[in-house]
Amino acid sequence: MRIDDLSAASWRKSSYSNQDGGACLEASYDFATTVPIRDSKSPHGPVLTFAADGWASFVTAVKRGELGT
């Protein structure tokens, strides 16, 4: 699958999203070097892509509380 074709991508909703539709972020881990991210309320809308290692570092920093406000 090419990164510009996300039609067959499987999406995983963030565990921080709630069932009422608030703050819904989805990621696809179907690509070796890139992680596409989208708003689950707009599944056919824009997608942001991040380098897989950069996304992993970001998620780790968030979990550790290392990002300032």
C-alpha atoms as a PDB file:
ATOM      1  CA  MET A   1       0.000   0.000   0.000  1.00  0.00           C
ATOM      2  CA  ARG A   2       1.354   3.447  -0.912  1.00  0.00           C
ATOM      3  CA  ILE A   3       1.138   6.241   1.639  1.00  0.00           C
ATOM      4  CA  ASP A   4      -0.929   8.355  -0.789  1.00  0.00           C
ATOM      5  CA  ASP A   5      -3.558   5.592  -0.882  1.00  0.00           C
ATOM      6  CA  LEU A   6      -5.118   5.273   2.563  1.00  0.00           C
ATOM      7  CA  SER A   7      -8.323   3.585   1.392  1.00  0.00           C
ATOM      8  CA  ALA A   8      -7.304   0.199   2.838  1.00  0.00           C
ATOM      9  CA  ALA A   9      -5.541   1.544   5.939  1.00  0.00           C
ATOM     10  CA  SER A  10      -6.706   0.278   9.310  1.00  0.00           C
ATOM     11  CA  TRP A  11      -7.212   3.045  11.862  1.00  0.00           C
ATOM     12  CA  ARG A  12      -6.877   2.883  15.646  1.00  0.00           C
ATOM     13  CA  LYS A  13      -8.645   5.461  17.804  1.00  0.00           C
ATOM     14  CA  SER A  14      -6.684   7.074  20.601  1.00  0.00           C
ATOM     15  CA  SER A  15      -7.345   5.641  24.037  1.00  0.00           C
ATOM     16  CA  TYR A  16      -7.842   9.244  25.197  1.00  0.00           C
ATOM     17  CA  SER A  17     -10.837   9.710  22.895  1.00  0.00           C
ATOM     18  CA  ASN A  18     -14.232   9.379  24.514  1.00  0.00           C
ATOM     19  CA  GLN A  19     -17.343   7.609  23.286  1.00  0.00           C
ATOM     20  CA  ASP A  20     -19.242  10.903  22.977  1.00  0.00           C
ATOM     21  CA  GLY A  21     -17.169  11.915  19.960  1.00  0.00           C
ATOM     22  CA  GLY A  22     -14.868  14.351  21.722  1.00  0.00           C
ATOM     23  CA  ALA A  23     -11.155  14.726  20.988  1.00  0.00           C
ATOM     24  CA  CYS A  24     -11.001  11.790  18.592  1.00  0.00           C
ATOM     25  CA  LEU A  25      -7.654  11.115  17.012  1.00  0.00           C
ATOM     26  CA  GLU A  26      -6.928   8.050  14.886  1.00  0.00           C
ATOM     27  CA  ALA A  27      -3.599   6.659  13.710  1.00  0.00           C
ATOM     28  CA  SER A  28      -2.717   3.994  11.179  1.00  0.00           C
ATOM     29  CA  TYR A  29       0.265   1.758  11.831  1.00  0.00           C
ATOM     30  CA  ASP A  30       0.127   0.022   8.432  1.00  0.00           C
ATOM     31  CA  PHE A  31       3.252   1.758   7.109  1.00  0.00           C
ATOM     32  CA  ALA A  32       6.848   0.999   8.046  1.00  0.00           C
ATOM     33  CA  THR A  33       8.259   4.527   8.040  1.00  0.00           C
ATOM     34  CA  THR A  34       5.219   6.837   8.267  1.00  0.00           C
ATOM     35  CA  VAL A  35       2.287   7.224  10.660  1.00  0.00           C
ATOM     36  CA  PRO A  36      -0.791   8.947   9.225  1.00  0.00           C
ATOM     37  CA  ILE A  37      -3.021  10.727  11.757  1.00  0.00           C
ATOM     38  CA  ARG A  38      -6.598  11.930  11.216  1.00  0.00           C
ATOM     39  CA  ASP A  39      -9.617  13.312  13.037  1.00  0.00           C
ATOM     40  CA  SER A  40     -12.063  10.423  13.431  1.00  0.00           C
ATOM     41  CA  LYS A  41     -15.000  12.839  13.150  1.00  0.00           C
ATOM     42  CA  SER A  42     -13.814  13.623   9.597  1.00  0.00           C
ATOM     43  CA  PRO A  43     -12.546  10.280   8.205  1.00  0.00           C
ATOM     44  CA  HIS A  44     -12.454  11.562   4.630  1.00  0.00           C
ATOM     45  CA  GLY A  45     -10.824  14.846   5.603  1.00  0.00           C
ATOM     46  CA  PRO A  46      -7.154  15.788   5.734  1.00  0.00           C
ATOM     47  CA  VAL A  47      -4.477  13.475   7.103  1.00  0.00           C
ATOM     48  CA  LEU A  48      -1.229  14.514   8.757  1.00  0.00           C
ATOM     49  CA  THR A  49       1.746  12.210   8.306  1.00  0.00           C
ATOM     50  CA  PHE A  50       4.708  11.862  10.624  1.00  0.00           C
ATOM     51  CA  ALA A  51       7.939   9.907  10.416  1.00  0.00           C
ATOM     52  CA  ALA A  52       7.405   6.735  12.463  1.00  0.00           C
ATOM     53  CA  ASP A  53      10.401   7.391  14.728  1.00  0.00           C
ATOM     54  CA  GLY A  54       9.326  10.998  15.316  1.00  0.00           C
ATOM     55  CA  TRP A  55       5.778   9.906  16.175  1.00  0.00           C
ATOM     56  CA  ALA A  56       7.112   7.259  18.582  1.00  0.00           C
ATOM     57  CA  SER A  57       9.278   9.883  20.316  1.00  0.00           C
ATOM     58  CA  PHE A  58       6.321  12.259  20.588  1.00  0.00           C
ATOM     59  CA  VAL A  59       4.037   9.596  22.100  1.00  0.00           C
ATOM     60  CA  THR A  60       6.750   8.573  24.582  1.00  0.00           C
ATOM     61  CA  ALA A  61       7.251  12.198  25.645  1.00  0.00           C
ATOM     62  CA  VAL A  62       3.494  12.696  26.110  1.00  0.00           C
ATOM     63  CA  LYS A  63       3.234   9.545  28.237  1.00  0.00           C
ATOM     64  CA  ARG A  64       6.098  10.759  30.424  1.00  0.00           C
ATOM     65  CA  GLY A  65       4.593  14.228  30.766  1.00  0.00           C
ATOM     66  CA  GLU A  66       7.660  15.796  29.205  1.00  0.00           C
ATOM     67  CA  LEU A  67       5.835  18.251  26.945  1.00  0.00           C
ATOM     68  CA  GLY A  68       5.272  21.693  28.386  1.00  0.00           C
ATOM     69  CA  THR A  69       2.077  23.679  27.993  1.00  0.00           C
END
